[in-house]
Amino acid sequence: MPRSNRPRRNASGSRSGKPAGKWTEPADELDLERARAGIARRESAPDGDWMVRTMTARKAEKQYICPGCSTAILPGIAHLVVWSDDHLFGEAAGLAERRHWHTNCWTSRTYRYR
């Protein structure tokens, strides 16, 4: 009979009866909604550089007014959170002036040249 080169282990997965390290620990569950929506992307347009983050319907809990159409974005409606990346007074000021837009209003906005 050929010799087996694999180490022998009991039913618990280790020789000493203790759990066998990082692979037997329960893994944290991945939140797919957060993974999809948590990262802001940079968009460049003639009216400046913008940071755009998707707000899923599940995470939309408050009512906002869309600056594109001046109508309400109701709770439970997916939309975009947009802020200026090249604000005159810095990154923190741009983030403080962030606005919530309907997705269609943001993509179809007109660029104003001054």
PDB file of N, CA and C in Angstrom:
ATOM      1  N   MET A   1       0.842  -1.167   0.000  1.00  0.00           N
ATOM      2  CA  MET A   1       0.000   0.000   0.000  1.00  0.00           C
ATOM      3  C   MET A   1       0.895   1.240   0.000  1.00  0.00           C
ATOM      4  N   PRO A   2       0.565   2.234  -0.855  1.00  0.00           N
ATOM      5  CA  PRO A   2       1.389   3.440  -0.906  1.00  0.00           C
ATOM      6  C   PRO A   2       1.252   4.270   0.370  1.00  0.00           C
ATOM      7  N   ARG A   3       2.299   4.959   0.673  1.00  0.00           N
ATOM      8  CA  ARG A   3       2.341   5.787   1.869  1.00  0.00           C
ATOM      9  C   ARG A   3       1.652   7.122   1.609  1.00  0.00           C
ATOM     10  N   SER A   4       0.878   7.612   2.565  1.00  0.00           N
ATOM     11  CA  SER A   4       0.217   8.912   2.453  1.00  0.00           C
ATOM     12  C   SER A   4       1.117   9.975   3.059  1.00  0.00           C
ATOM     13  N   ASN A   5       1.390  11.045   2.305  1.00  0.00           N
ATOM     14  CA  ASN A   5       2.253  12.107   2.801  1.00  0.00           C
ATOM     15  C   ASN A   5       1.482  13.227   3.483  1.00  0.00           C
ATOM     16  N   ARG A   6       0.163  13.097   3.535  1.00  0.00           N
ATOM     17  CA  ARG A   6      -0.639  14.124   4.203  1.00  0.00           C
ATOM     18  C   ARG A   6      -0.641  13.903   5.704  1.00  0.00           C
ATOM     19  N   PRO A   7      -0.555  15.002   6.495  1.00  0.00           N
ATOM     20  CA  PRO A   7      -0.632  14.820   7.947  1.00  0.00           C
ATOM     21  C   PRO A   7      -2.042  14.389   8.349  1.00  0.00           C
ATOM     22  N   ARG A   8      -2.129  13.578   9.358  1.00  0.00           N
ATOM     23  CA  ARG A   8      -3.419  13.103   9.839  1.00  0.00           C
ATOM     24  C   ARG A   8      -3.978  14.099  10.856  1.00  0.00           C
ATOM     25  N   ARG A   9      -5.257  14.405  10.696  1.00  0.00           N
ATOM     26  CA  ARG A   9      -5.905  15.353  11.606  1.00  0.00           C
ATOM     27  C   ARG A   9      -7.216  14.763  12.070  1.00  0.00           C
ATOM     28  N   ASN A  10      -7.623  15.173  13.253  1.00  0.00           N
ATOM     29  CA  ASN A  10      -8.913  14.685  13.746  1.00  0.00           C
ATOM     30  C   ASN A  10     -10.049  15.503  13.143  1.00  0.00           C
ATOM     31  N   ALA A  11     -11.264  15.246  13.532  1.00  0.00           N
ATOM     32  CA  ALA A  11     -12.445  15.869  12.928  1.00  0.00           C
ATOM     33  C   ALA A  11     -12.508  17.374  13.148  1.00  0.00           C
ATOM     34  N   SER A  12     -11.855  17.916  14.177  1.00  0.00           N
ATOM     35  CA  SER A  12     -11.912  19.355  14.433  1.00  0.00           C
ATOM     36  C   SER A  12     -11.004  20.142  13.499  1.00  0.00           C
ATOM     37  N   GLY A  13     -10.159  19.496  12.755  1.00  0.00           N
ATOM     38  CA  GLY A  13      -9.342  20.189  11.775  1.00  0.00           C
ATOM     39  C   GLY A  13      -7.925  20.477  12.240  1.00  0.00           C
ATOM     40  N   SER A  14      -7.575  20.115  13.441  1.00  0.00           N
ATOM     41  CA  SER A  14      -6.201  20.334  13.895  1.00  0.00           C
ATOM     42  C   SER A  14      -5.754  19.166  14.753  1.00  0.00           C
ATOM     43  N   ARG A  15      -4.492  19.093  15.012  1.00  0.00           N
ATOM     44  CA  ARG A  15      -3.943  17.985  15.794  1.00  0.00           C
ATOM     45  C   ARG A  15      -4.262  18.107  17.279  1.00  0.00           C
ATOM     46  N   SER A  16      -4.330  19.319  17.786  1.00  0.00           N
ATOM     47  CA  SER A  16      -4.511  19.510  19.216  1.00  0.00           C
ATOM     48  C   SER A  16      -5.976  19.620  19.631  1.00  0.00           C
ATOM     49  N   GLY A  17      -6.897  19.639  18.690  1.00  0.00           N
ATOM     50  CA  GLY A  17      -8.301  19.766  19.017  1.00  0.00           C
ATOM     51  C   GLY A  17      -8.785  21.199  19.056  1.00  0.00           C
ATOM     52  N   LYS A  18      -7.882  22.181  18.899  1.00  0.00           N
ATOM     53  CA  LYS A  18      -8.245  23.602  18.853  1.00  0.00           C
ATOM     54  C   LYS A  18      -8.599  23.976  17.423  1.00  0.00           C
ATOM     55  N   PRO A  19      -9.328  25.070  17.219  1.00  0.00           N
ATOM     56  CA  PRO A  19      -9.597  25.516  15.844  1.00  0.00           C
ATOM     57  C   PRO A  19      -8.297  25.777  15.094  1.00  0.00           C
ATOM     58  N   ALA A  20      -8.305  25.545  13.804  1.00  0.00           N
ATOM     59  CA  ALA A  20      -7.082  25.567  13.009  1.00  0.00           C
ATOM     60  C   ALA A  20      -6.790  26.918  12.386  1.00  0.00           C
ATOM     61  N   GLY A  21      -6.828  28.003  13.129  1.00  0.00           N
ATOM     62  CA  GLY A  21      -6.355  29.283  12.636  1.00  0.00           C
ATOM     63  C   GLY A  21      -7.396  30.133  11.946  1.00  0.00           C
ATOM     64  N   LYS A  22      -6.901  31.016  11.064  1.00  0.00           N
ATOM     65  CA  LYS A  22      -7.743  32.044  10.473  1.00  0.00           C
ATOM     66  C   LYS A  22      -8.815  31.499   9.544  1.00  0.00           C
ATOM     67  N   TRP A  23      -8.660  30.322   9.000  1.00  0.00           N
ATOM     68  CA  TRP A  23      -9.632  29.801   8.038  1.00  0.00           C
ATOM     69  C   TRP A  23     -10.870  29.224   8.704  1.00  0.00           C
ATOM     70  N   THR A  24     -10.795  28.921   9.983  1.00  0.00           N
ATOM     71  CA  THR A  24     -11.971  28.378  10.663  1.00  0.00           C
ATOM     72  C   THR A  24     -12.773  29.455  11.386  1.00  0.00           C
ATOM     73  N   GLU A  25     -12.227  30.684  11.460  1.00  0.00           N
ATOM     74  CA  GLU A  25     -12.964  31.778  12.086  1.00  0.00           C
ATOM     75  C   GLU A  25     -14.057  32.245  11.131  1.00  0.00           C
ATOM     76  N   PRO A  26     -15.226  32.630  11.656  1.00  0.00           N
ATOM     77  CA  PRO A  26     -16.281  33.117  10.759  1.00  0.00           C
ATOM     78  C   PRO A  26     -15.873  34.450  10.131  1.00  0.00           C
ATOM     79  N   ALA A  27     -16.091  34.560   8.839  1.00  0.00           N
ATOM     80  CA  ALA A  27     -15.726  35.778   8.114  1.00  0.00           C
ATOM     81  C   ALA A  27     -16.814  36.826   8.290  1.00  0.00           C
ATOM     82  N   ASP A  28     -16.419  38.101   8.298  1.00  0.00           N
ATOM     83  CA  ASP A  28     -17.387  39.184   8.359  1.00  0.00           C
ATOM     84  C   ASP A  28     -18.181  39.194   7.061  1.00  0.00           C
ATOM     85  N   GLU A  29     -19.485  39.444   7.186  1.00  0.00           N
ATOM     86  CA  GLU A  29     -20.332  39.466   5.999  1.00  0.00           C
ATOM     87  C   GLU A  29     -20.102  40.760   5.218  1.00  0.00           C
ATOM     88  N   LEU A  30     -19.996  40.659   3.921  1.00  0.00           N
ATOM     89  CA  LEU A  30     -19.750  41.794   3.049  1.00  0.00           C
ATOM     90  C   LEU A  30     -21.058  42.526   2.783  1.00  0.00           C
ATOM     91  N   ASP A  31     -21.083  43.822   3.015  1.00  0.00           N
ATOM     92  CA  ASP A  31     -22.255  44.643   2.741  1.00  0.00           C
ATOM     93  C   ASP A  31     -22.149  45.132   1.297  1.00  0.00           C
ATOM     94  N   LEU A  32     -22.874  44.500   0.392  1.00  0.00           N
ATOM     95  CA  LEU A  32     -22.767  44.830  -1.024  1.00  0.00           C
ATOM     96  C   LEU A  32     -23.262  46.230  -1.327  1.00  0.00           C
ATOM     97  N   GLU A  33     -24.282  46.697  -0.626  1.00  0.00           N
ATOM     98  CA  GLU A  33     -24.776  48.055  -0.847  1.00  0.00           C
ATOM     99  C   GLU A  33     -23.688  49.074  -0.530  1.00  0.00           C
ATOM    100  N   ARG A  34     -22.985  48.867   0.565  1.00  0.00           N
ATOM    101  CA  ARG A  34     -21.915  49.787   0.952  1.00  0.00           C
ATOM    102  C   ARG A  34     -20.743  49.698  -0.015  1.00  0.00           C
ATOM    103  N   ALA A  35     -20.444  48.500  -0.460  1.00  0.00           N
ATOM    104  CA  ALA A  35     -19.340  48.330  -1.401  1.00  0.00           C
ATOM    105  C   ALA A  35     -19.637  49.006  -2.731  1.00  0.00           C
ATOM    106  N   ARG A  36     -20.891  48.950  -3.170  1.00  0.00           N
ATOM    107  CA  ARG A  36     -21.265  49.565  -4.436  1.00  0.00           C
ATOM    108  C   ARG A  36     -21.324  51.078  -4.344  1.00  0.00           C
ATOM    109  N   ALA A  37     -21.742  51.610  -3.213  1.00  0.00           N
ATOM    110  CA  ALA A  37     -22.042  53.032  -3.132  1.00  0.00           C
ATOM    111  C   ALA A  37     -21.052  53.835  -2.305  1.00  0.00           C
ATOM    112  N   GLY A  38     -20.141  53.208  -1.619  1.00  0.00           N
ATOM    113  CA  GLY A  38     -19.310  53.924  -0.680  1.00  0.00           C
ATOM    114  C   GLY A  38     -18.168  54.725  -1.249  1.00  0.00           C
ATOM    115  N   ILE A  39     -17.814  54.516  -2.495  1.00  0.00           N
ATOM    116  CA  ILE A  39     -16.629  55.159  -3.052  1.00  0.00           C
ATOM    117  C   ILE A  39     -17.045  56.282  -3.995  1.00  0.00           C
ATOM    118  N   ALA A  40     -16.488  57.444  -3.763  1.00  0.00           N
ATOM    119  CA  ALA A  40     -16.760  58.586  -4.635  1.00  0.00           C
ATOM    120  C   ALA A  40     -15.852  58.517  -5.856  1.00  0.00           C
ATOM    121  N   ARG A  41     -16.386  58.927  -6.983  1.00  0.00           N
ATOM    122  CA  ARG A  41     -15.591  58.974  -8.208  1.00  0.00           C
ATOM    123  C   ARG A  41     -15.421  60.425  -8.638  1.00  0.00           C
ATOM    124  N   ARG A  42     -14.345  60.692  -9.340  1.00  0.00           N
ATOM    125  CA  ARG A  42     -14.060  62.047  -9.805  1.00  0.00           C
ATOM    126  C   ARG A  42     -14.568  62.217 -11.224  1.00  0.00           C
ATOM    127  N   GLU A  43     -15.295  63.313 -11.447  1.00  0.00           N
ATOM    128  CA  GLU A  43     -15.775  63.645 -12.781  1.00  0.00           C
ATOM    129  C   GLU A  43     -15.269  65.035 -13.142  1.00  0.00           C
ATOM    130  N   SER A  44     -14.707  65.145 -14.323  1.00  0.00           N
ATOM    131  CA  SER A  44     -14.261  66.437 -14.823  1.00  0.00           C
ATOM    132  C   SER A  44     -15.241  66.913 -15.883  1.00  0.00           C
ATOM    133  N   ALA A  45     -15.600  68.192 -15.802  1.00  0.00           N
ATOM    134  CA  ALA A  45     -16.549  68.783 -16.739  1.00  0.00           C
ATOM    135  C   ALA A  45     -16.114  70.226 -16.989  1.00  0.00           C
ATOM    136  N   PRO A  46     -16.709  70.886 -17.980  1.00  0.00           N
ATOM    137  CA  PRO A  46     -16.354  72.285 -18.227  1.00  0.00           C
ATOM    138  C   PRO A  46     -16.636  73.205 -17.039  1.00  0.00           C
ATOM    139  N   ASP A  47     -17.525  72.791 -16.156  1.00  0.00           N
ATOM    140  CA  ASP A  47     -17.822  73.633 -14.995  1.00  0.00           C
ATOM    141  C   ASP A  47     -16.989  73.262 -13.766  1.00  0.00           C
ATOM    142  N   GLY A  48     -15.985  72.420 -13.914  1.00  0.00           N
ATOM    143  CA  GLY A  48     -15.077  72.103 -12.815  1.00  0.00           C
ATOM    144  C   GLY A  48     -14.912  70.611 -12.595  1.00  0.00           C
ATOM    145  N   ASP A  49     -14.152  70.287 -11.547  1.00  0.00           N
ATOM    146  CA  ASP A  49     -13.948  68.902 -11.137  1.00  0.00           C
ATOM    147  C   ASP A  49     -14.902  68.603  -9.996  1.00  0.00           C
ATOM    148  N   TRP A  50     -15.565  67.450 -10.058  1.00  0.00           N
ATOM    149  CA  TRP A  50     -16.580  67.092  -9.086  1.00  0.00           C
ATOM    150  C   TRP A  50     -16.313  65.708  -8.531  1.00  0.00           C
ATOM    151  N   MET A  51     -16.633  65.522  -7.277  1.00  0.00           N
ATOM    152  CA  MET A  51     -16.642  64.211  -6.654  1.00  0.00           C
ATOM    153  C   MET A  51     -18.097  63.782  -6.602  1.00  0.00           C
ATOM    154  N   VAL A  52     -18.386  62.580  -7.090  1.00  0.00           N
ATOM    155  CA  VAL A  52     -19.754  62.086  -7.197  1.00  0.00           C
ATOM    156  C   VAL A  52     -19.842  60.743  -6.475  1.00  0.00           C
ATOM    157  N   ARG A  53     -20.795  60.638  -5.563  1.00  0.00           N
ATOM    158  CA  ARG A  53     -21.019  59.390  -4.826  1.00  0.00           C
ATOM    159  C   ARG A  53     -22.466  58.965  -5.022  1.00  0.00           C
ATOM    160  N   THR A  54     -22.689  57.704  -5.309  1.00  0.00           N
ATOM    161  CA  THR A  54     -24.034  57.179  -5.494  1.00  0.00           C
ATOM    162  C   THR A  54     -24.660  56.898  -4.138  1.00  0.00           C
ATOM    163  N   MET A  55     -25.885  57.359  -3.971  1.00  0.00           N
ATOM    164  CA  MET A  55     -26.656  57.086  -2.759  1.00  0.00           C
ATOM    165  C   MET A  55     -27.744  56.089  -3.155  1.00  0.00           C
ATOM    166  N   THR A  56     -27.683  54.883  -2.623  1.00  0.00           N
ATOM    167  CA  THR A  56     -28.659  53.862  -2.978  1.00  0.00           C
ATOM    168  C   THR A  56     -30.003  54.162  -2.328  1.00  0.00           C
ATOM    169  N   ALA A  57     -31.036  53.543  -2.838  1.00  0.00           N
ATOM    170  CA  ALA A  57     -32.380  53.746  -2.299  1.00  0.00           C
ATOM    171  C   ALA A  57     -32.467  53.292  -0.848  1.00  0.00           C
ATOM    172  N   ARG A  58     -31.728  52.277  -0.498  1.00  0.00           N
ATOM    173  CA  ARG A  58     -31.746  51.761   0.870  1.00  0.00           C
ATOM    174  C   ARG A  58     -31.140  52.758   1.861  1.00  0.00           C
ATOM    175  N   LYS A  59     -30.121  53.478   1.422  1.00  0.00           N
ATOM    176  CA  LYS A  59     -29.435  54.431   2.301  1.00  0.00           C
ATOM    177  C   LYS A  59     -30.057  55.825   2.291  1.00  0.00           C
ATOM    178  N   ALA A  60     -30.928  56.116   1.332  1.00  0.00           N
ATOM    179  CA  ALA A  60     -31.549  57.437   1.231  1.00  0.00           C
ATOM    180  C   ALA A  60     -32.661  57.538   2.273  1.00  0.00           C
ATOM    181  N   GLU A  61     -32.392  58.260   3.352  1.00  0.00           N
ATOM    182  CA  GLU A  61     -33.333  58.308   4.470  1.00  0.00           C
ATOM    183  C   GLU A  61     -33.953  59.680   4.691  1.00  0.00           C
ATOM    184  N   LYS A  62     -33.438  60.709   4.060  1.00  0.00           N
ATOM    185  CA  LYS A  62     -33.943  62.066   4.256  1.00  0.00           C
ATOM    186  C   LYS A  62     -34.436  62.645   2.938  1.00  0.00           C
ATOM    187  N   GLN A  63     -35.163  63.736   3.034  1.00  0.00           N
ATOM    188  CA  GLN A  63     -35.645  64.429   1.840  1.00  0.00           C
ATOM    189  C   GLN A  63     -34.697  65.570   1.511  1.00  0.00           C
ATOM    190  N   TYR A  64     -34.375  65.724   0.231  1.00  0.00           N
ATOM    191  CA  TYR A  64     -33.491  66.787  -0.252  1.00  0.00           C
ATOM    192  C   TYR A  64     -34.156  67.480  -1.426  1.00  0.00           C
ATOM    193  N   ILE A  65     -33.676  68.664  -1.766  1.00  0.00           N
ATOM    194  CA  ILE A  65     -34.138  69.389  -2.942  1.00  0.00           C
ATOM    195  C   ILE A  65     -33.025  69.324  -3.989  1.00  0.00           C
ATOM    196  N   CYS A  66     -33.371  68.833  -5.163  1.00  0.00           N
ATOM    197  CA  CYS A  66     -32.407  68.713  -6.261  1.00  0.00           C
ATOM    198  C   CYS A  66     -32.154  70.096  -6.850  1.00  0.00           C
ATOM    199  N   PRO A  67     -30.893  70.544  -6.943  1.00  0.00           N
ATOM    200  CA  PRO A  67     -30.612  71.852  -7.535  1.00  0.00           C
ATOM    201  C   PRO A  67     -30.841  71.884  -9.050  1.00  0.00           C
ATOM    202  N   GLY A  68     -30.940  70.750  -9.689  1.00  0.00           N
ATOM    203  CA  GLY A  68     -31.144  70.720 -11.134  1.00  0.00           C
ATOM    204  C   GLY A  68     -32.571  70.999 -11.546  1.00  0.00           C
ATOM    205  N   CYS A  69     -33.535  70.461 -10.792  1.00  0.00           N
ATOM    206  CA  CYS A  69     -34.942  70.618 -11.169  1.00  0.00           C
ATOM    207  C   CYS A  69     -35.775  71.269 -10.072  1.00  0.00           C
ATOM    208  N   SER A  70     -35.181  71.553  -8.934  1.00  0.00           N
ATOM    209  CA  SER A  70     -35.844  72.193  -7.786  1.00  0.00           C
ATOM    210  C   SER A  70     -37.044  71.407  -7.266  1.00  0.00           C
ATOM    211  N   THR A  71     -37.017  70.101  -7.426  1.00  0.00           N
ATOM    212  CA  THR A  71     -38.052  69.261  -6.840  1.00  0.00           C
ATOM    213  C   THR A  71     -37.439  68.367  -5.774  1.00  0.00           C
ATOM    214  N   ALA A  72     -38.293  67.755  -4.974  1.00  0.00           N
ATOM    215  CA  ALA A  72     -37.817  66.964  -3.838  1.00  0.00           C
ATOM    216  C   ALA A  72     -37.279  65.609  -4.279  1.00  0.00           C
ATOM    217  N   ILE A  73     -36.234  65.187  -3.601  1.00  0.00           N
ATOM    218  CA  ILE A  73     -35.749  63.822  -3.695  1.00  0.00           C
ATOM    219  C   ILE A  73     -36.266  63.149  -2.435  1.00  0.00           C
ATOM    220  N   LEU A  74     -37.242  62.292  -2.575  1.00  0.00           N
ATOM    221  CA  LEU A  74     -37.907  61.684  -1.434  1.00  0.00           C
ATOM    222  C   LEU A  74     -37.063  60.564  -0.833  1.00  0.00           C
ATOM    223  N   PRO A  75     -37.287  60.242   0.445  1.00  0.00           N
ATOM    224  CA  PRO A  75     -36.579  59.099   1.045  1.00  0.00           C
ATOM    225  C   PRO A  75     -36.886  57.815   0.278  1.00  0.00           C
ATOM    226  N   GLY A  76     -35.871  56.998   0.095  1.00  0.00           N
ATOM    227  CA  GLY A  76     -36.032  55.745  -0.628  1.00  0.00           C
ATOM    228  C   GLY A  76     -35.799  55.866  -2.120  1.00  0.00           C
ATOM    229  N   ILE A  77     -35.382  57.031  -2.605  1.00  0.00           N
ATOM    230  CA  ILE A  77     -35.088  57.242  -4.024  1.00  0.00           C
ATOM    231  C   ILE A  77     -33.569  57.312  -4.199  1.00  0.00           C
ATOM    232  N   ALA A  78     -33.037  56.485  -5.075  1.00  0.00           N
ATOM    233  CA  ALA A  78     -31.599  56.512  -5.347  1.00  0.00           C
ATOM    234  C   ALA A  78     -31.242  57.824  -6.030  1.00  0.00           C
ATOM    235  N   HIS A  79     -30.103  58.410  -5.645  1.00  0.00           N
ATOM    236  CA  HIS A  79     -29.675  59.680  -6.219  1.00  0.00           C
ATOM    237  C   HIS A  79     -28.162  59.821  -6.077  1.00  0.00           C
ATOM    238  N   LEU A  80     -27.622  60.983  -6.411  1.00  0.00           N
ATOM    239  CA  LEU A  80     -26.187  61.240  -6.333  1.00  0.00           C
ATOM    240  C   LEU A  80     -25.896  62.327  -5.318  1.00  0.00           C
ATOM    241  N   VAL A  81     -24.777  62.206  -4.639  1.00  0.00           N
ATOM    242  CA  VAL A  81     -24.268  63.265  -3.771  1.00  0.00           C
ATOM    243  C   VAL A  81     -23.047  63.835  -4.475  1.00  0.00           C
ATOM    244  N   VAL A  82     -23.057  65.142  -4.714  1.00  0.00           N
ATOM    245  CA  VAL A  82     -22.029  65.786  -5.533  1.00  0.00           C
ATOM    246  C   VAL A  82     -21.408  66.947  -4.763  1.00  0.00           C
ATOM    247  N   TRP A  83     -20.088  67.059  -4.810  1.00  0.00           N
ATOM    248  CA  TRP A  83     -19.406  68.211  -4.220  1.00  0.00           C
ATOM    249  C   TRP A  83     -18.214  68.591  -5.079  1.00  0.00           C
ATOM    250  N   SER A  84     -17.794  69.836  -4.938  1.00  0.00           N
ATOM    251  CA  SER A  84     -16.714  70.376  -5.750  1.00  0.00           C
ATOM    252  C   SER A  84     -15.369  69.855  -5.257  1.00  0.00           C
ATOM    253  N   ASP A  85     -14.563  69.383  -6.192  1.00  0.00           N
ATOM    254  CA  ASP A  85     -13.234  68.897  -5.842  1.00  0.00           C
ATOM    255  C   ASP A  85     -12.189  70.005  -5.938  1.00  0.00           C
ATOM    256  N   ASP A  86     -12.495  71.074  -6.683  1.00  0.00           N
ATOM    257  CA  ASP A  86     -11.548  72.175  -6.843  1.00  0.00           C
ATOM    258  C   ASP A  86     -12.125  73.475  -6.274  1.00  0.00           C
ATOM    259  N   HIS A  87     -12.668  73.386  -5.073  1.00  0.00           N
ATOM    260  CA  HIS A  87     -13.283  74.545  -4.415  1.00  0.00           C
ATOM    261  C   HIS A  87     -12.212  75.585  -4.095  1.00  0.00           C
ATOM    262  N   LEU A  88     -12.584  76.851  -4.190  1.00  0.00           N
ATOM    263  CA  LEU A  88     -11.659  77.956  -3.952  1.00  0.00           C
ATOM    264  C   LEU A  88     -11.064  77.911  -2.547  1.00  0.00           C
ATOM    265  N   PHE A  89     -11.865  77.502  -1.553  1.00  0.00           N
ATOM    266  CA  PHE A  89     -11.410  77.503  -0.163  1.00  0.00           C
ATOM    267  C   PHE A  89     -10.976  76.131   0.330  1.00  0.00           C
ATOM    268  N   GLY A  90     -10.763  75.202  -0.568  1.00  0.00           N
ATOM    269  CA  GLY A  90     -10.200  73.910  -0.196  1.00  0.00           C
ATOM    270  C   GLY A  90     -11.202  72.769  -0.228  1.00  0.00           C
ATOM    271  N   GLU A  91     -10.669  71.602   0.044  1.00  0.00           N
ATOM    272  CA  GLU A  91     -11.432  70.372  -0.029  1.00  0.00           C
ATOM    273  C   GLU A  91     -12.554  70.310   1.001  1.00  0.00           C
ATOM    274  N   ALA A  92     -12.284  70.775   2.223  1.00  0.00           N
ATOM    275  CA  ALA A  92     -13.302  70.728   3.281  1.00  0.00           C
ATOM    276  C   ALA A  92     -14.485  71.640   2.959  1.00  0.00           C
ATOM    277  N   ALA A  93     -14.224  72.795   2.366  1.00  0.00           N
ATOM    278  CA  ALA A  93     -15.298  73.715   1.998  1.00  0.00           C
ATOM    279  C   ALA A  93     -16.150  73.124   0.877  1.00  0.00           C
ATOM    280  N   GLY A  94     -15.532  72.457  -0.066  1.00  0.00           N
ATOM    281  CA  GLY A  94     -16.277  71.801  -1.132  1.00  0.00           C
ATOM    282  C   GLY A  94     -17.171  70.701  -0.596  1.00  0.00           C
ATOM    283  N   LEU A  95     -16.658  69.924   0.359  1.00  0.00           N
ATOM    284  CA  LEU A  95     -17.434  68.861   0.970  1.00  0.00           C
ATOM    285  C   LEU A  95     -18.595  69.421   1.790  1.00  0.00           C
ATOM    286  N   ALA A  96     -18.384  70.556   2.445  1.00  0.00           N
ATOM    287  CA  ALA A  96     -19.446  71.173   3.242  1.00  0.00           C
ATOM    288  C   ALA A  96     -20.578  71.697   2.364  1.00  0.00           C
ATOM    289  N   GLU A  97     -20.285  72.015   1.112  1.00  0.00           N
ATOM    290  CA  GLU A  97     -21.304  72.530   0.199  1.00  0.00           C
ATOM    291  C   GLU A  97     -21.836  71.454  -0.743  1.00  0.00           C
ATOM    292  N   ARG A  98     -21.792  70.192  -0.334  1.00  0.00           N
ATOM    293  CA  ARG A  98     -22.274  69.117  -1.194  1.00  0.00           C
ATOM    294  C   ARG A  98     -23.782  69.212  -1.394  1.00  0.00           C
ATOM    295  N   ARG A  99     -24.235  68.722  -2.530  1.00  0.00           N
ATOM    296  CA  ARG A  99     -25.645  68.768  -2.897  1.00  0.00           C
ATOM    297  C   ARG A  99     -26.099  67.401  -3.371  1.00  0.00           C
ATOM    298  N   HIS A 100     -27.376  67.125  -3.186  1.00  0.00           N
ATOM    299  CA  HIS A 100     -27.987  65.872  -3.606  1.00  0.00           C
ATOM    300  C   HIS A 100     -28.752  66.121  -4.900  1.00  0.00           C
ATOM    301  N   TRP A 101     -28.442  65.347  -5.950  1.00  0.00           N
ATOM    302  CA  TRP A 101     -29.013  65.509  -7.279  1.00  0.00           C
ATOM    303  C   TRP A 101     -29.729  64.233  -7.697  1.00  0.00           C
ATOM    304  N   HIS A 102     -30.816  64.390  -8.465  1.00  0.00           N
ATOM    305  CA  HIS A 102     -31.364  63.241  -9.177  1.00  0.00           C
ATOM    306  C   HIS A 102     -30.297  62.797 -10.172  1.00  0.00           C
ATOM    307  N   THR A 103     -30.194  61.513 -10.404  1.00  0.00           N
ATOM    308  CA  THR A 103     -29.183  61.003 -11.324  1.00  0.00           C
ATOM    309  C   THR A 103     -29.360  61.588 -12.724  1.00  0.00           C
ATOM    310  N   ASN A 104     -30.594  61.642 -13.206  1.00  0.00           N
ATOM    311  CA  ASN A 104     -30.849  62.172 -14.539  1.00  0.00           C
ATOM    312  C   ASN A 104     -30.566  63.676 -14.614  1.00  0.00           C
ATOM    313  N   CYS A 105     -30.890  64.413 -13.562  1.00  0.00           N
ATOM    314  CA  CYS A 105     -30.608  65.855 -13.546  1.00  0.00           C
ATOM    315  C   CYS A 105     -29.103  66.112 -13.610  1.00  0.00           C
ATOM    316  N   TRP A 106     -28.321  65.307 -12.915  1.00  0.00           N
ATOM    317  CA  TRP A 106     -26.866  65.485 -12.920  1.00  0.00           C
ATOM    318  C   TRP A 106     -26.277  65.177 -14.296  1.00  0.00           C
ATOM    319  N   THR A 107     -26.718  64.097 -14.917  1.00  0.00           N
ATOM    320  CA  THR A 107     -26.139  63.730 -16.204  1.00  0.00           C
ATOM    321  C   THR A 107     -26.595  64.626 -17.341  1.00  0.00           C
ATOM    322  N   SER A 108     -27.749  65.263 -17.201  1.00  0.00           N
ATOM    323  CA  SER A 108     -28.245  66.124 -18.278  1.00  0.00           C
ATOM    324  C   SER A 108     -28.128  67.610 -17.965  1.00  0.00           C
ATOM    325  N   ARG A 109     -27.341  67.966 -16.958  1.00  0.00           N
ATOM    326  CA  ARG A 109     -27.228  69.381 -16.604  1.00  0.00           C
ATOM    327  C   ARG A 109     -26.540  70.148 -17.729  1.00  0.00           C
ATOM    328  N   THR A 110     -26.804  71.424 -17.820  1.00  0.00           N
ATOM    329  CA  THR A 110     -26.149  72.253 -18.827  1.00  0.00           C
ATOM    330  C   THR A 110     -24.956  72.934 -18.184  1.00  0.00           C
ATOM    331  N   TYR A 111     -23.917  73.077 -18.938  1.00  0.00           N
ATOM    332  CA  TYR A 111     -22.712  73.740 -18.453  1.00  0.00           C
ATOM    333  C   TYR A 111     -22.817  75.225 -18.777  1.00  0.00           C
ATOM    334  N   ARG A 112     -22.546  76.037 -17.812  1.00  0.00           N
ATOM    335  CA  ARG A 112     -22.628  77.491 -18.017  1.00  0.00           C
ATOM    336  C   ARG A 112     -21.213  78.058 -18.106  1.00  0.00           C
ATOM    337  N   TYR A 113     -20.947  78.757 -19.172  1.00  0.00           N
ATOM    338  CA  TYR A 113     -19.631  79.369 -19.367  1.00  0.00           C
ATOM    339  C   TYR A 113     -19.742  80.840 -19.043  1.00  0.00           C
ATOM    340  N   ARG A 114     -18.827  81.328 -18.212  1.00  0.00           N
ATOM    341  CA  ARG A 114     -18.839  82.751 -17.830  1.00  0.00           C
ATOM    342  C   ARG A 114     -17.543  83.379 -18.206  1.00  0.00           C
TER     343      ARG A 114
END
